[in-house]
Amino acid sequence: MALNLTVDLARCTGCACCMMECPDLFDIDNDSGKAVLLEPRPTAERLDEAVRAVRSCPEGAIRLEEK
């Protein structure tokens, strides 16, 4: 089972909760101020981080889906 992280940039407000919670998975783009996904297919070791990122987003812009 492969899991995919995605960020809906139309919903992202750039609050950086994802980056603060999971700096190995997310960054913030200097120009747009929105989330940048660093690792779209997190390893099993990073699954907990990915779930925390989804939960930390106040806009619901981050999704973790089976692919």
C-alpha atoms as a PDB file:
ATOM      1  CA  MET A   1       0.000   0.000   0.000  1.00  0.00           C
ATOM      2  CA  ALA A   2       1.513   3.307  -1.122  1.00  0.00           C
ATOM      3  CA  LEU A   3       0.369   6.536   0.483  1.00  0.00           C
ATOM      4  CA  ASN A   4       0.453   9.899  -1.213  1.00  0.00           C
ATOM      5  CA  LEU A   5       0.530  13.310   0.444  1.00  0.00           C
ATOM      6  CA  THR A   6      -1.006  16.194  -1.457  1.00  0.00           C
ATOM      7  CA  VAL A   7      -1.458  19.900  -0.790  1.00  0.00           C
ATOM      8  CA  ASP A   8      -4.380  21.832  -2.233  1.00  0.00           C
ATOM      9  CA  LEU A   9      -2.687  25.172  -2.864  1.00  0.00           C
ATOM     10  CA  ALA A  10      -6.041  26.865  -3.455  1.00  0.00           C
ATOM     11  CA  ARG A  11      -6.944  26.105   0.192  1.00  0.00           C
ATOM     12  CA  CYS A  12      -3.465  26.672   1.683  1.00  0.00           C
ATOM     13  CA  THR A  13      -3.161  29.982   3.530  1.00  0.00           C
ATOM     14  CA  GLY A  14       0.523  29.601   4.369  1.00  0.00           C
ATOM     15  CA  CYS A  15       0.112  29.381   8.139  1.00  0.00           C
ATOM     16  CA  ALA A  16       3.110  26.976   8.179  1.00  0.00           C
ATOM     17  CA  CYS A  17       1.613  24.560  10.713  1.00  0.00           C
ATOM     18  CA  CYS A  18       2.666  21.665   8.465  1.00  0.00           C
ATOM     19  CA  MET A  19       6.247  22.894   8.293  1.00  0.00           C
ATOM     20  CA  MET A  20       6.442  23.447  12.046  1.00  0.00           C
ATOM     21  CA  GLU A  21       4.967  20.002  12.717  1.00  0.00           C
ATOM     22  CA  CYS A  22       6.939  18.134  10.006  1.00  0.00           C
ATOM     23  CA  PRO A  23       9.909  20.101   8.660  1.00  0.00           C
ATOM     24  CA  ASP A  24      11.232  17.032   6.832  1.00  0.00           C
ATOM     25  CA  LEU A  25       8.036  16.771   4.787  1.00  0.00           C
ATOM     26  CA  PHE A  26       7.090  20.429   4.208  1.00  0.00           C
ATOM     27  CA  ASP A  27       8.576  23.839   3.559  1.00  0.00           C
ATOM     28  CA  ILE A  28       7.070  27.219   2.714  1.00  0.00           C
ATOM     29  CA  ASP A  29       7.623  28.820  -0.677  1.00  0.00           C
ATOM     30  CA  ASN A  30       9.266  32.219  -0.301  1.00  0.00           C
ATOM     31  CA  ASP A  31       7.351  33.738  -3.223  1.00  0.00           C
ATOM     32  CA  SER A  32       3.828  32.414  -2.720  1.00  0.00           C
ATOM     33  CA  GLY A  33       3.997  31.871   1.038  1.00  0.00           C
ATOM     34  CA  LYS A  34       2.286  28.519   0.578  1.00  0.00           C
ATOM     35  CA  ALA A  35       3.258  24.976   1.524  1.00  0.00           C
ATOM     36  CA  VAL A  36       5.792  23.055  -0.523  1.00  0.00           C
ATOM     37  CA  LEU A  37       5.628  19.291  -0.273  1.00  0.00           C
ATOM     38  CA  LEU A  38       9.133  17.849   0.066  1.00  0.00           C
ATOM     39  CA  GLU A  39       8.196  14.179   0.196  1.00  0.00           C
ATOM     40  CA  PRO A  40       4.930  13.271  -1.579  1.00  0.00           C
ATOM     41  CA  ARG A  41       5.284   9.562  -0.790  1.00  0.00           C
ATOM     42  CA  PRO A  42       6.318   9.337   2.842  1.00  0.00           C
ATOM     43  CA  THR A  43       8.064   6.193   3.984  1.00  0.00           C
ATOM     44  CA  ALA A  44       6.553   3.994   6.665  1.00  0.00           C
ATOM     45  CA  GLU A  45       8.917   5.635   9.160  1.00  0.00           C
ATOM     46  CA  ARG A  46       7.412   9.046   8.354  1.00  0.00           C
ATOM     47  CA  LEU A  47       3.779   7.981   8.334  1.00  0.00           C
ATOM     48  CA  ASP A  48       3.123   9.376  11.814  1.00  0.00           C
ATOM     49  CA  GLU A  49       4.588  12.721  10.713  1.00  0.00           C
ATOM     50  CA  ALA A  50       2.373  12.752   7.629  1.00  0.00           C
ATOM     51  CA  VAL A  51      -0.727  12.114   9.753  1.00  0.00           C
ATOM     52  CA  ARG A  52       0.296  14.926  12.130  1.00  0.00           C
ATOM     53  CA  ALA A  53       0.684  17.282   9.163  1.00  0.00           C
ATOM     54  CA  VAL A  54      -2.820  16.461   7.923  1.00  0.00           C
ATOM     55  CA  ARG A  55      -4.245  17.084  11.377  1.00  0.00           C
ATOM     56  CA  SER A  56      -2.272  20.301  11.874  1.00  0.00           C
ATOM     57  CA  CYS A  57      -3.616  22.077   8.783  1.00  0.00           C
ATOM     58  CA  PRO A  58      -6.421  24.438   9.844  1.00  0.00           C
ATOM     59  CA  GLU A  59      -7.597  24.794   6.244  1.00  0.00           C
ATOM     60  CA  GLY A  60      -7.739  21.056   5.514  1.00  0.00           C
ATOM     61  CA  ALA A  61      -5.432  21.580   2.539  1.00  0.00           C
ATOM     62  CA  ILE A  62      -3.277  18.486   3.196  1.00  0.00           C
ATOM     63  CA  ARG A  63      -4.470  15.005   2.343  1.00  0.00           C
ATOM     64  CA  LEU A  64      -2.964  11.575   2.832  1.00  0.00           C
ATOM     65  CA  GLU A  65      -4.477   9.081   0.422  1.00  0.00           C
ATOM     66  CA  GLU A  66      -3.887   5.530  -0.636  1.00  0.00           C
ATOM     67  CA  LYS A  67      -2.532   5.409  -4.168  1.00  0.00           C
END
